[in-house]
Amino acid sequence: MVDTKTPGDKKLSVPSKTLSLKPRVETGTVRQSFSHGRSKQVVVEKRGKRRIDGTPEPQAAEVAKPAPAAPTPAPSRPAPPRNSGSGVVLRTLTEDERSARASALADAKVREVEERRQAEEEAQRRAVREAAERAEREAAESRRKAEEE
């Protein structure tokens, strides 16, 4: 075998700079508090998702752009009521139940009006009592000043 170099062969070489991966982390500080009362600031790192194709993760500002809202046609009839996820189907109320609910609602409204009226009367009595006390204090103050002179 002959060790002759052909002019087309290239020499293999190692680059002078070492290869390394760039860290994909965001750092921040948080206050860590312990049960015995001590607290300490610590550095935390939030790692980004690693992409297989090598593209960087999209920034939050780019992701947060809202898409323009397309006008949606209004439905011609209302949608049926959705179940709360419990799987229970509620029955419709009978006429007696409807009338009982209506009377309970009317009673609640009457009670609310009566309570509001009583609260207004109490506020009025309190205002009159405070005015009388204020007048009595002023009269006592004027008598005290008159006695001093």
Foldseek 3Di string as FASTA:
>chain_A
DDPDDDPPDDDDDDDPDDDDDDFQWDKDWDWAADPVGDIDIDIDIDGDDDDPVPDDDDDPVVVPDDDDDDDDDDDPDDDPDDDPPPPDDDDDDDPVVVVVVVVVVVVVVVVVVVVVVVVVVVVVVVVVVVVVVVVVVVVVVVVVVVVVD
